[in-house]
Amino acid sequence: MERSFLIALEPSHTLNFMIYLQNIYLQQKNAENRKFPYLQTNAIFHEDFEQYFKELWMELTEKIIGDSEIDSELFVCQKDLFYNRLFISEGKDNKEVYKYLRLF
């Protein structure tokens, strides 16, 4: 009998970054509910961040499931995908979110 079930243990950089952005958003919404990594930033999230986050999460998940090799490309080369949907503008504070990732 041929095996048809496969479990992958590779963490997704793109989906981890999405969780990172969500944590920053939640911290701005409620400063007492700090999430790791805690980051003080003035990033300006879109008014409908939660809805756009869900939609982007589903889109990214489908892309990664279809081709796991695309994960790094999404995270590194398509930064605008995140900024255009989740942030109000491409301001300096929004771009600094990527800069802080080097610390972790």
C-alpha atoms as a PDB file:
ATOM      1  CA  MET A   1       0.000   0.000   0.000  1.00  0.00           C
ATOM      2  CA  GLU A   2       1.279   3.451  -0.900  1.00  0.00           C
ATOM      3  CA  ARG A   3       1.552   6.105   1.804  1.00  0.00           C
ATOM      4  CA  SER A   4      -0.552   9.193   1.203  1.00  0.00           C
ATOM      5  CA  PHE A   5      -0.076  11.133   4.415  1.00  0.00           C
ATOM      6  CA  LEU A   6       2.864  13.481   4.894  1.00  0.00           C
ATOM      7  CA  ILE A   7       3.717  15.675   7.855  1.00  0.00           C
ATOM      8  CA  ALA A   8       6.131  18.554   7.373  1.00  0.00           C
ATOM      9  CA  LEU A   9       8.026  19.917  10.368  1.00  0.00           C
ATOM     10  CA  GLU A  10       9.491  22.981   8.678  1.00  0.00           C
ATOM     11  CA  PRO A  11       8.364  26.268  10.200  1.00  0.00           C
ATOM     12  CA  SER A  12       6.951  28.780   7.772  1.00  0.00           C
ATOM     13  CA  HIS A  13       8.847  32.075   7.820  1.00  0.00           C
ATOM     14  CA  THR A  14       5.909  33.839   6.199  1.00  0.00           C
ATOM     15  CA  LEU A  15       3.278  32.605   8.648  1.00  0.00           C
ATOM     16  CA  ASN A  16       5.584  33.259  11.608  1.00  0.00           C
ATOM     17  CA  PHE A  17       5.999  36.815  10.326  1.00  0.00           C
ATOM     18  CA  MET A  18       2.216  37.141  10.129  1.00  0.00           C
ATOM     19  CA  ILE A  19       1.967  36.101  13.796  1.00  0.00           C
ATOM     20  CA  TYR A  20       4.681  38.641  14.604  1.00  0.00           C
ATOM     21  CA  LEU A  21       2.643  41.396  12.903  1.00  0.00           C
ATOM     22  CA  GLN A  22      -0.500  40.282  14.691  1.00  0.00           C
ATOM     23  CA  ASN A  23       1.300  40.476  18.046  1.00  0.00           C
ATOM     24  CA  ILE A  24       2.434  44.041  17.317  1.00  0.00           C
ATOM     25  CA  TYR A  25      -1.138  44.953  16.391  1.00  0.00           C
ATOM     26  CA  LEU A  26      -2.525  43.372  19.579  1.00  0.00           C
ATOM     27  CA  GLN A  27       0.074  45.192  21.703  1.00  0.00           C
ATOM     28  CA  GLN A  28      -0.926  48.519  20.215  1.00  0.00           C
ATOM     29  CA  LYS A  29      -4.561  47.727  20.882  1.00  0.00           C
ATOM     30  CA  ASN A  30      -3.927  46.662  24.485  1.00  0.00           C
ATOM     31  CA  ALA A  31      -0.523  47.624  25.911  1.00  0.00           C
ATOM     32  CA  GLU A  32      -1.045  45.437  28.984  1.00  0.00           C
ATOM     33  CA  ASN A  33      -1.340  42.282  26.870  1.00  0.00           C
ATOM     34  CA  ARG A  34       2.288  41.999  25.729  1.00  0.00           C
ATOM     35  CA  LYS A  35       3.260  39.233  23.365  1.00  0.00           C
ATOM     36  CA  PHE A  36       6.714  37.954  22.466  1.00  0.00           C
ATOM     37  CA  PRO A  37       8.565  39.535  20.853  1.00  0.00           C
ATOM     38  CA  TYR A  38       7.585  42.828  22.432  1.00  0.00           C
ATOM     39  CA  LEU A  39       8.326  45.702  20.100  1.00  0.00           C
ATOM     40  CA  GLN A  40       7.529  49.348  20.560  1.00  0.00           C
ATOM     41  CA  THR A  41       6.752  50.789  17.172  1.00  0.00           C
ATOM     42  CA  ASN A  42       4.530  53.436  15.688  1.00  0.00           C
ATOM     43  CA  ALA A  43       3.428  51.229  12.810  1.00  0.00           C
ATOM     44  CA  ILE A  44       0.040  52.344  11.545  1.00  0.00           C
ATOM     45  CA  PHE A  45      -2.174  49.366  10.888  1.00  0.00           C
ATOM     46  CA  HIS A  46      -5.159  49.438   8.584  1.00  0.00           C
ATOM     47  CA  GLU A  47      -8.506  50.146  10.221  1.00  0.00           C
ATOM     48  CA  ASP A  48      -9.786  46.716   9.114  1.00  0.00           C
ATOM     49  CA  PHE A  49      -6.556  44.938  10.078  1.00  0.00           C
ATOM     50  CA  GLU A  50      -8.292  41.886  11.557  1.00  0.00           C
ATOM     51  CA  GLN A  51     -10.337  41.180   8.418  1.00  0.00           C
ATOM     52  CA  TYR A  52      -7.408  41.802   6.061  1.00  0.00           C
ATOM     53  CA  PHE A  53      -5.180  39.657   8.270  1.00  0.00           C
ATOM     54  CA  LYS A  54      -7.586  36.706   8.006  1.00  0.00           C
ATOM     55  CA  GLU A  55      -7.836  37.061   4.241  1.00  0.00           C
ATOM     56  CA  LEU A  56      -4.064  37.335   3.781  1.00  0.00           C
ATOM     57  CA  TRP A  57      -3.464  34.394   6.141  1.00  0.00           C
ATOM     58  CA  MET A  58      -5.762  32.183   4.064  1.00  0.00           C
ATOM     59  CA  GLU A  59      -4.151  33.316   0.798  1.00  0.00           C
ATOM     60  CA  LEU A  60      -0.614  32.733   2.075  1.00  0.00           C
ATOM     61  CA  THR A  61      -1.519  29.373   3.593  1.00  0.00           C
ATOM     62  CA  GLU A  62      -2.947  28.177   0.273  1.00  0.00           C
ATOM     63  CA  LYS A  63       0.166  29.333  -1.604  1.00  0.00           C
ATOM     64  CA  ILE A  64       2.511  27.620   0.855  1.00  0.00           C
ATOM     65  CA  ILE A  65       0.499  24.396   0.830  1.00  0.00           C
ATOM     66  CA  GLY A  66       0.612  24.408  -2.972  1.00  0.00           C
ATOM     67  CA  ASP A  67       4.363  24.995  -3.105  1.00  0.00           C
ATOM     68  CA  SER A  68       6.407  24.956   0.113  1.00  0.00           C
ATOM     69  CA  GLU A  69       9.422  26.376  -1.750  1.00  0.00           C
ATOM     70  CA  ILE A  70       7.586  29.696  -2.193  1.00  0.00           C
ATOM     71  CA  ASP A  71       7.655  30.436   1.555  1.00  0.00           C
ATOM     72  CA  SER A  72      11.017  32.225   1.575  1.00  0.00           C
ATOM     73  CA  GLU A  73      10.167  34.153  -1.581  1.00  0.00           C
ATOM     74  CA  LEU A  74       6.931  35.454  -0.038  1.00  0.00           C
ATOM     75  CA  PHE A  75       8.701  36.519   3.127  1.00  0.00           C
ATOM     76  CA  VAL A  76      11.790  38.107   1.564  1.00  0.00           C
ATOM     77  CA  CYS A  77      10.811  39.303  -1.899  1.00  0.00           C
ATOM     78  CA  GLN A  78       7.155  40.241  -1.551  1.00  0.00           C
ATOM     79  CA  LYS A  79       7.188  42.546   1.462  1.00  0.00           C
ATOM     80  CA  ASP A  80       4.718  44.870  -0.256  1.00  0.00           C
ATOM     81  CA  LEU A  81       2.115  42.124  -0.013  1.00  0.00           C
ATOM     82  CA  PHE A  82       2.066  42.666   3.754  1.00  0.00           C
ATOM     83  CA  TYR A  83       2.388  46.453   3.714  1.00  0.00           C
ATOM     84  CA  ASN A  84      -0.288  47.097   1.096  1.00  0.00           C
ATOM     85  CA  ARG A  85      -2.888  45.029   2.907  1.00  0.00           C
ATOM     86  CA  LEU A  86      -2.177  45.418   6.604  1.00  0.00           C
ATOM     87  CA  PHE A  87      -0.768  48.937   6.957  1.00  0.00           C
ATOM     88  CA  ILE A  88      -2.282  52.299   6.084  1.00  0.00           C
ATOM     89  CA  SER A  89       0.838  53.648   4.419  1.00  0.00           C
ATOM     90  CA  GLU A  90       4.398  52.591   3.690  1.00  0.00           C
ATOM     91  CA  GLY A  91       5.878  54.871   6.307  1.00  0.00           C
ATOM     92  CA  LYS A  92       9.280  54.519   7.940  1.00  0.00           C
ATOM     93  CA  ASP A  93       7.775  53.007  11.102  1.00  0.00           C
ATOM     94  CA  ASN A  94       6.051  50.290   9.080  1.00  0.00           C
ATOM     95  CA  LYS A  95       9.245  49.331   7.233  1.00  0.00           C
ATOM     96  CA  GLU A  96      11.173  49.096  10.524  1.00  0.00           C
ATOM     97  CA  VAL A  97       9.151  46.014  11.430  1.00  0.00           C
ATOM     98  CA  TYR A  98      11.397  44.007   9.058  1.00  0.00           C
ATOM     99  CA  LYS A  99      14.535  45.569  10.537  1.00  0.00           C
ATOM    100  CA  TYR A 100      13.727  44.244  14.005  1.00  0.00           C
ATOM    101  CA  LEU A 101      13.445  40.681  12.705  1.00  0.00           C
ATOM    102  CA  ARG A 102      17.249  40.517  12.494  1.00  0.00           C
ATOM    103  CA  LEU A 103      17.340  40.590  16.284  1.00  0.00           C
ATOM    104  CA  PHE A 104      15.530  37.269  16.656  1.00  0.00           C
END
